[in-house]
Amino acid sequence: MAKASQVKAALDHFGDELSRKKNVVGLGRVPAKAAGEWELAVYVREKVAEGALSKDDRIPKTLELPGGGTVQVTTQVIEQGLVGLESEVPGLDVL
């Protein structure tokens, strides 16, 4: 597991690459089960079976930060749904 600062470093280092993957609508961090530990959240429009995605579009289970020592940052894929401005999301009524 990783500390919050390590997840931030992973977001800085891998964010552009992860954002380009099919189905990804956002990135962030979420608390891990262990107290004080964090995971990198990859928000997707819809969770799909790993086999339904090309190798290039699969989210790795862990990311290894470059630099001194080995730091593994765990990813968590979270189904978010379609994300956009209210005017851009079909079927979403504006109040």
C-alpha atoms as a PDB file:
ATOM      1  CA  MET A   1       0.000   0.000   0.000  1.00  0.00           C
ATOM      2  CA  ALA A   2       1.025   3.599  -0.409  1.00  0.00           C
ATOM      3  CA  LYS A   3       1.004   6.862   1.470  1.00  0.00           C
ATOM      4  CA  ALA A   4      -1.059   9.803   0.168  1.00  0.00           C
ATOM      5  CA  SER A   5       2.063  11.537  -1.150  1.00  0.00           C
ATOM      6  CA  GLN A   6       3.056   8.413  -3.089  1.00  0.00           C
ATOM      7  CA  VAL A   7      -0.380   8.183  -4.702  1.00  0.00           C
ATOM      8  CA  LYS A   8      -0.078  11.869  -5.668  1.00  0.00           C
ATOM      9  CA  ALA A   9       3.307  11.111  -7.226  1.00  0.00           C
ATOM     10  CA  ALA A  10       1.752   8.187  -9.136  1.00  0.00           C
ATOM     11  CA  LEU A  11      -1.060  10.442 -10.369  1.00  0.00           C
ATOM     12  CA  ASP A  12       1.514  13.000 -11.545  1.00  0.00           C
ATOM     13  CA  HIS A  13       3.622  10.334 -13.258  1.00  0.00           C
ATOM     14  CA  PHE A  14       0.923   8.033 -14.735  1.00  0.00           C
ATOM     15  CA  GLY A  15      -2.123  10.336 -14.927  1.00  0.00           C
ATOM     16  CA  ASP A  16      -1.899  11.233 -18.611  1.00  0.00           C
ATOM     17  CA  GLU A  17      -1.349   7.606 -19.621  1.00  0.00           C
ATOM     18  CA  LEU A  18      -4.259   6.344 -17.505  1.00  0.00           C
ATOM     19  CA  SER A  19      -6.583   9.129 -18.694  1.00  0.00           C
ATOM     20  CA  ARG A  20      -6.109   8.086 -22.322  1.00  0.00           C
ATOM     21  CA  LYS A  21      -7.355   4.552 -21.691  1.00  0.00           C
ATOM     22  CA  LYS A  22     -10.766   3.629 -23.085  1.00  0.00           C
ATOM     23  CA  ASN A  23     -13.638   4.024 -20.611  1.00  0.00           C
ATOM     24  CA  VAL A  24     -11.687   6.146 -18.072  1.00  0.00           C
ATOM     25  CA  VAL A  25     -13.593   9.254 -16.923  1.00  0.00           C
ATOM     26  CA  GLY A  26     -11.476  10.375 -13.961  1.00  0.00           C
ATOM     27  CA  LEU A  27      -8.631   9.750 -11.527  1.00  0.00           C
ATOM     28  CA  GLY A  28      -8.148  10.332  -7.818  1.00  0.00           C
ATOM     29  CA  ARG A  29      -7.215   8.628  -4.593  1.00  0.00           C
ATOM     30  CA  VAL A  30      -9.230   6.612  -2.111  1.00  0.00           C
ATOM     31  CA  PRO A  31      -8.431   5.285   1.346  1.00  0.00           C
ATOM     32  CA  ALA A  32      -7.198   1.690   1.450  1.00  0.00           C
ATOM     33  CA  LYS A  33      -8.365  -0.820   4.051  1.00  0.00           C
ATOM     34  CA  ALA A  34      -5.189  -0.304   6.083  1.00  0.00           C
ATOM     35  CA  ALA A  35      -5.283   2.864   8.174  1.00  0.00           C
ATOM     36  CA  GLY A  36      -3.172   5.667   6.727  1.00  0.00           C
ATOM     37  CA  GLU A  37      -2.777   3.924   3.371  1.00  0.00           C
ATOM     38  CA  TRP A  38      -4.176   5.041   0.017  1.00  0.00           C
ATOM     39  CA  GLU A  39      -4.914   3.646  -3.433  1.00  0.00           C
ATOM     40  CA  LEU A  40      -5.068   5.322  -6.823  1.00  0.00           C
ATOM     41  CA  ALA A  41      -8.701   5.453  -7.979  1.00  0.00           C
ATOM     42  CA  VAL A  42      -9.433   5.008 -11.668  1.00  0.00           C
ATOM     43  CA  TYR A  43     -13.021   5.985 -12.380  1.00  0.00           C
ATOM     44  CA  VAL A  44     -14.569   4.322 -15.423  1.00  0.00           C
ATOM     45  CA  ARG A  45     -17.831   4.843 -17.246  1.00  0.00           C
ATOM     46  CA  GLU A  46     -18.659   1.159 -16.920  1.00  0.00           C
ATOM     47  CA  LYS A  47     -16.753  -1.812 -15.510  1.00  0.00           C
ATOM     48  CA  VAL A  48     -16.145  -4.413 -18.179  1.00  0.00           C
ATOM     49  CA  ALA A  49     -14.469  -7.802 -18.138  1.00  0.00           C
ATOM     50  CA  GLU A  50     -10.697  -7.566 -18.498  1.00  0.00           C
ATOM     51  CA  GLY A  51     -10.830  -9.817 -21.555  1.00  0.00           C
ATOM     52  CA  ALA A  52     -13.159  -7.347 -23.302  1.00  0.00           C
ATOM     53  CA  LEU A  53     -10.438  -4.672 -23.285  1.00  0.00           C
ATOM     54  CA  SER A  54      -7.288  -4.502 -25.364  1.00  0.00           C
ATOM     55  CA  LYS A  55      -4.031  -4.841 -23.419  1.00  0.00           C
ATOM     56  CA  ASP A  56      -3.429  -1.117 -23.934  1.00  0.00           C
ATOM     57  CA  ASP A  57      -6.742  -0.208 -22.267  1.00  0.00           C
ATOM     58  CA  ARG A  58      -6.443  -2.438 -19.188  1.00  0.00           C
ATOM     59  CA  ILE A  59      -5.777  -0.758 -15.855  1.00  0.00           C
ATOM     60  CA  PRO A  60      -2.764  -2.307 -14.096  1.00  0.00           C
ATOM     61  CA  LYS A  61      -3.444  -3.649 -10.601  1.00  0.00           C
ATOM     62  CA  THR A  62      -0.347  -1.846  -9.333  1.00  0.00           C
ATOM     63  CA  LEU A  63       1.911   0.939 -10.550  1.00  0.00           C
ATOM     64  CA  GLU A  64       5.586   1.089  -9.662  1.00  0.00           C
ATOM     65  CA  LEU A  65       6.944   4.541  -8.943  1.00  0.00           C
ATOM     66  CA  PRO A  66      10.315   5.277 -10.516  1.00  0.00           C
ATOM     67  CA  GLY A  67      13.198   6.362  -8.353  1.00  0.00           C
ATOM     68  CA  GLY A  68      14.951   5.093  -5.264  1.00  0.00           C
ATOM     69  CA  GLY A  69      13.441   1.957  -3.788  1.00  0.00           C
ATOM     70  CA  THR A  70      10.406   0.087  -4.971  1.00  0.00           C
ATOM     71  CA  VAL A  71       7.070   1.721  -4.208  1.00  0.00           C
ATOM     72  CA  GLN A  72       3.984  -0.100  -5.423  1.00  0.00           C
ATOM     73  CA  VAL A  73       0.786   1.936  -5.696  1.00  0.00           C
ATOM     74  CA  THR A  74      -2.359  -0.187  -5.877  1.00  0.00           C
ATOM     75  CA  THR A  75      -5.129   0.847  -8.253  1.00  0.00           C
ATOM     76  CA  GLN A  76      -8.841   0.533  -7.635  1.00  0.00           C
ATOM     77  CA  VAL A  77     -11.243   0.631 -10.592  1.00  0.00           C
ATOM     78  CA  ILE A  78     -14.522   2.309  -9.653  1.00  0.00           C
ATOM     79  CA  GLU A  79     -17.585   2.430 -11.893  1.00  0.00           C
ATOM     80  CA  GLN A  80     -18.654   6.084 -12.076  1.00  0.00           C
ATOM     81  CA  GLY A  81     -20.950   6.306 -15.067  1.00  0.00           C
ATOM     82  CA  LEU A  82     -20.950   9.032 -17.680  1.00  0.00           C
ATOM     83  CA  VAL A  83     -19.348  12.276 -16.571  1.00  0.00           C
ATOM     84  CA  GLY A  84     -19.850  15.648 -18.210  1.00  0.00           C
ATOM     85  CA  LEU A  85     -21.556  18.986 -17.970  1.00  0.00           C
ATOM     86  CA  GLU A  86     -25.284  18.767 -17.338  1.00  0.00           C
ATOM     87  CA  SER A  87     -25.953  20.141 -20.795  1.00  0.00           C
ATOM     88  CA  GLU A  88     -23.798  17.404 -22.350  1.00  0.00           C
ATOM     89  CA  VAL A  89     -25.246  14.335 -20.581  1.00  0.00           C
ATOM     90  CA  PRO A  90     -28.262  12.914 -22.449  1.00  0.00           C
ATOM     91  CA  GLY A  91     -31.336  12.442 -20.268  1.00  0.00           C
ATOM     92  CA  LEU A  92     -30.109  14.663 -17.430  1.00  0.00           C
ATOM     93  CA  ASP A  93     -32.666  17.374 -16.761  1.00  0.00           C
ATOM     94  CA  VAL A  94     -31.341  20.759 -15.788  1.00  0.00           C
ATOM     95  CA  LEU A  95     -33.147  22.267 -12.796  1.00  0.00           C
END
